[in-house]
Amino acid sequence: MDQKYIDELRQKYIKSPPEGMSPKLVRSMTDSDLLDMHYFITEDDDLCDEEFEEGFYIYIF
């Protein structure tokens, strides 16, 4: 992974940390942990434009 991209992500999350995190925690994260966090925060962003299949769904919580 490009180090410049990782540094930009780190600065983004230091300025505006996810709920429950502090800038200090983001600053101390490993590059791998930072990328994992970013992936899980943004993994559903591409689903917003897609329509879901019609049908019957059961959600179990």
N, C-alpha and C. Protein backbone atom coordinates (compact mmCIF):
# COMPACT_ATOMS: atom_id res chain seq x y z
N MET A 1 0.85 -1.18 0.00
CA MET A 1 0.00 0.00 0.00
C MET A 1 0.89 1.23 0.00
N ASP A 2 0.44 2.25 -0.67
CA ASP A 2 1.19 3.50 -0.79
C ASP A 2 1.22 4.24 0.55
N GLN A 3 2.41 4.55 1.05
CA GLN A 3 2.55 5.20 2.35
C GLN A 3 1.89 6.58 2.37
N LYS A 4 1.90 7.26 1.24
CA LYS A 4 1.26 8.58 1.16
C LYS A 4 -0.25 8.46 1.43
N TYR A 5 -0.88 7.43 0.86
CA TYR A 5 -2.30 7.18 1.06
C TYR A 5 -2.59 6.89 2.54
N ILE A 6 -1.75 6.09 3.16
CA ILE A 6 -1.93 5.74 4.57
C ILE A 6 -1.79 6.99 5.44
N ASP A 7 -0.81 7.83 5.12
CA ASP A 7 -0.63 9.07 5.89
C ASP A 7 -1.82 10.00 5.74
N GLU A 8 -2.40 10.07 4.53
CA GLU A 8 -3.59 10.90 4.31
C GLU A 8 -4.78 10.36 5.11
N LEU A 9 -4.95 9.04 5.12
CA LEU A 9 -6.03 8.44 5.91
C LEU A 9 -5.84 8.73 7.39
N ARG A 10 -4.62 8.58 7.86
CA ARG A 10 -4.34 8.83 9.28
C ARG A 10 -4.69 10.27 9.65
N GLN A 11 -4.29 11.23 8.81
CA GLN A 11 -4.61 12.64 9.08
C GLN A 11 -6.12 12.88 9.06
N LYS A 12 -6.81 12.22 8.13
CA LYS A 12 -8.27 12.34 8.05
C LYS A 12 -8.92 11.88 9.35
N TYR A 13 -8.49 10.73 9.85
CA TYR A 13 -9.11 10.17 11.06
C TYR A 13 -8.61 10.83 12.34
N ILE A 14 -7.44 11.46 12.30
CA ILE A 14 -6.98 12.23 13.47
C ILE A 14 -7.83 13.49 13.60
N LYS A 15 -8.12 14.14 12.47
CA LYS A 15 -8.93 15.36 12.48
C LYS A 15 -10.38 15.07 12.85
N SER A 16 -10.88 13.93 12.40
CA SER A 16 -12.26 13.55 12.67
C SER A 16 -12.32 12.06 13.00
N PRO A 17 -11.98 11.69 14.23
CA PRO A 17 -11.94 10.27 14.59
C PRO A 17 -13.33 9.64 14.61
N PRO A 18 -13.40 8.36 14.30
CA PRO A 18 -14.68 7.66 14.39
C PRO A 18 -15.21 7.68 15.83
N GLU A 19 -16.50 7.51 15.97
CA GLU A 19 -17.13 7.51 17.29
C GLU A 19 -16.46 6.47 18.19
N GLY A 20 -16.15 6.90 19.39
CA GLY A 20 -15.54 6.00 20.36
C GLY A 20 -14.03 5.96 20.30
N MET A 21 -13.44 6.72 19.39
CA MET A 21 -11.98 6.75 19.28
C MET A 21 -11.49 8.17 19.52
N SER A 22 -10.24 8.29 19.86
CA SER A 22 -9.63 9.59 20.07
C SER A 22 -8.53 9.80 19.03
N PRO A 23 -8.16 11.05 18.77
CA PRO A 23 -7.05 11.29 17.84
C PRO A 23 -5.76 10.59 18.29
N LYS A 24 -5.55 10.52 19.60
CA LYS A 24 -4.35 9.85 20.11
C LYS A 24 -4.35 8.36 19.75
N LEU A 25 -5.51 7.73 19.85
CA LEU A 25 -5.61 6.31 19.50
C LEU A 25 -5.35 6.10 18.01
N VAL A 26 -5.92 6.95 17.17
CA VAL A 26 -5.69 6.85 15.72
C VAL A 26 -4.21 7.05 15.41
N ARG A 27 -3.58 8.00 16.07
CA ARG A 27 -2.17 8.30 15.85
C ARG A 27 -1.29 7.10 16.18
N SER A 28 -1.68 6.30 17.17
CA SER A 28 -0.86 5.18 17.61
C SER A 28 -1.18 3.86 16.90
N MET A 29 -2.17 3.86 16.02
CA MET A 29 -2.55 2.63 15.31
C MET A 29 -1.47 2.23 14.30
N THR A 30 -1.33 0.93 14.09
CA THR A 30 -0.43 0.47 13.04
C THR A 30 -1.07 0.76 11.69
N ASP A 31 -0.27 0.77 10.65
CA ASP A 31 -0.80 1.01 9.30
C ASP A 31 -1.86 -0.03 8.95
N SER A 32 -1.59 -1.28 9.31
CA SER A 32 -2.53 -2.36 9.01
C SER A 32 -3.87 -2.15 9.73
N ASP A 33 -3.81 -1.77 11.00
CA ASP A 33 -5.04 -1.52 11.77
C ASP A 33 -5.81 -0.35 11.19
N LEU A 34 -5.10 0.68 10.76
CA LEU A 34 -5.74 1.85 10.17
C LEU A 34 -6.46 1.49 8.88
N LEU A 35 -5.81 0.70 8.04
CA LEU A 35 -6.44 0.27 6.79
C LEU A 35 -7.64 -0.63 7.04
N ASP A 36 -7.54 -1.51 8.02
CA ASP A 36 -8.68 -2.36 8.38
C ASP A 36 -9.85 -1.52 8.85
N MET A 37 -9.58 -0.55 9.71
CA MET A 37 -10.64 0.33 10.22
C MET A 37 -11.30 1.07 9.06
N HIS A 38 -10.50 1.62 8.17
CA HIS A 38 -11.04 2.36 7.02
C HIS A 38 -11.90 1.45 6.16
N TYR A 39 -11.45 0.23 5.93
CA TYR A 39 -12.22 -0.72 5.14
C TYR A 39 -13.60 -0.97 5.76
N PHE A 40 -13.64 -1.24 7.05
CA PHE A 40 -14.91 -1.55 7.69
C PHE A 40 -15.82 -0.33 7.81
N ILE A 41 -15.25 0.86 7.88
CA ILE A 41 -16.07 2.07 7.91
C ILE A 41 -16.70 2.34 6.55
N THR A 42 -15.97 2.02 5.48
CA THR A 42 -16.43 2.38 4.13
C THR A 42 -16.90 1.20 3.29
N GLU A 43 -16.95 -0.01 3.82
CA GLU A 43 -17.26 -1.17 3.00
C GLU A 43 -18.65 -1.14 2.38
N ASP A 44 -19.62 -0.51 3.00
CA ASP A 44 -20.98 -0.47 2.46
C ASP A 44 -21.27 0.78 1.64
N ASP A 45 -20.30 1.65 1.47
CA ASP A 45 -20.53 2.89 0.73
C ASP A 45 -20.95 2.63 -0.71
N ASP A 46 -20.44 1.58 -1.33
CA ASP A 46 -20.78 1.30 -2.72
C ASP A 46 -22.18 0.70 -2.86
N LEU A 47 -22.80 0.28 -1.79
CA LEU A 47 -24.14 -0.29 -1.87
C LEU A 47 -25.23 0.77 -1.93
N CYS A 48 -24.91 1.99 -1.63
CA CYS A 48 -25.91 3.06 -1.60
C CYS A 48 -26.52 3.31 -2.96
N ASP A 49 -25.77 3.09 -4.03
CA ASP A 49 -26.26 3.37 -5.37
C ASP A 49 -26.97 2.17 -6.00
N GLU A 50 -26.78 1.01 -5.44
CA GLU A 50 -27.35 -0.19 -6.03
C GLU A 50 -28.72 -0.47 -5.43
N GLU A 51 -29.59 -1.02 -6.27
CA GLU A 51 -30.90 -1.41 -5.77
C GLU A 51 -30.80 -2.84 -5.26
N PHE A 52 -31.51 -3.11 -4.19
CA PHE A 52 -31.52 -4.45 -3.65
C PHE A 52 -32.52 -5.30 -4.43
N GLU A 53 -32.26 -6.59 -4.47
CA GLU A 53 -33.19 -7.49 -5.13
C GLU A 53 -34.50 -7.51 -4.38
N GLU A 54 -35.58 -7.57 -5.15
CA GLU A 54 -36.87 -7.67 -4.50
C GLU A 54 -37.01 -9.08 -3.97
N GLY A 55 -37.69 -9.19 -2.86
CA GLY A 55 -37.88 -10.51 -2.29
C GLY A 55 -38.14 -10.41 -0.81
N PHE A 56 -38.17 -11.54 -0.21
CA PHE A 56 -38.46 -11.64 1.21
C PHE A 56 -37.17 -11.89 1.95
N TYR A 57 -36.89 -11.04 2.91
CA TYR A 57 -35.66 -11.17 3.68
C TYR A 57 -35.99 -11.34 5.16
N ILE A 58 -35.25 -12.19 5.82
CA ILE A 58 -35.40 -12.37 7.25
C ILE A 58 -34.13 -11.87 7.91
N TYR A 59 -34.28 -10.91 8.80
CA TYR A 59 -33.14 -10.38 9.51
C TYR A 59 -33.15 -10.94 10.93
N ILE A 60 -32.09 -11.60 11.30
CA ILE A 60 -31.97 -12.16 12.63
C ILE A 60 -30.93 -11.34 13.39
N PHE A 61 -31.35 -10.76 14.49
CA PHE A 61 -30.43 -9.94 15.27
C PHE A 61 -29.88 -10.72 16.41
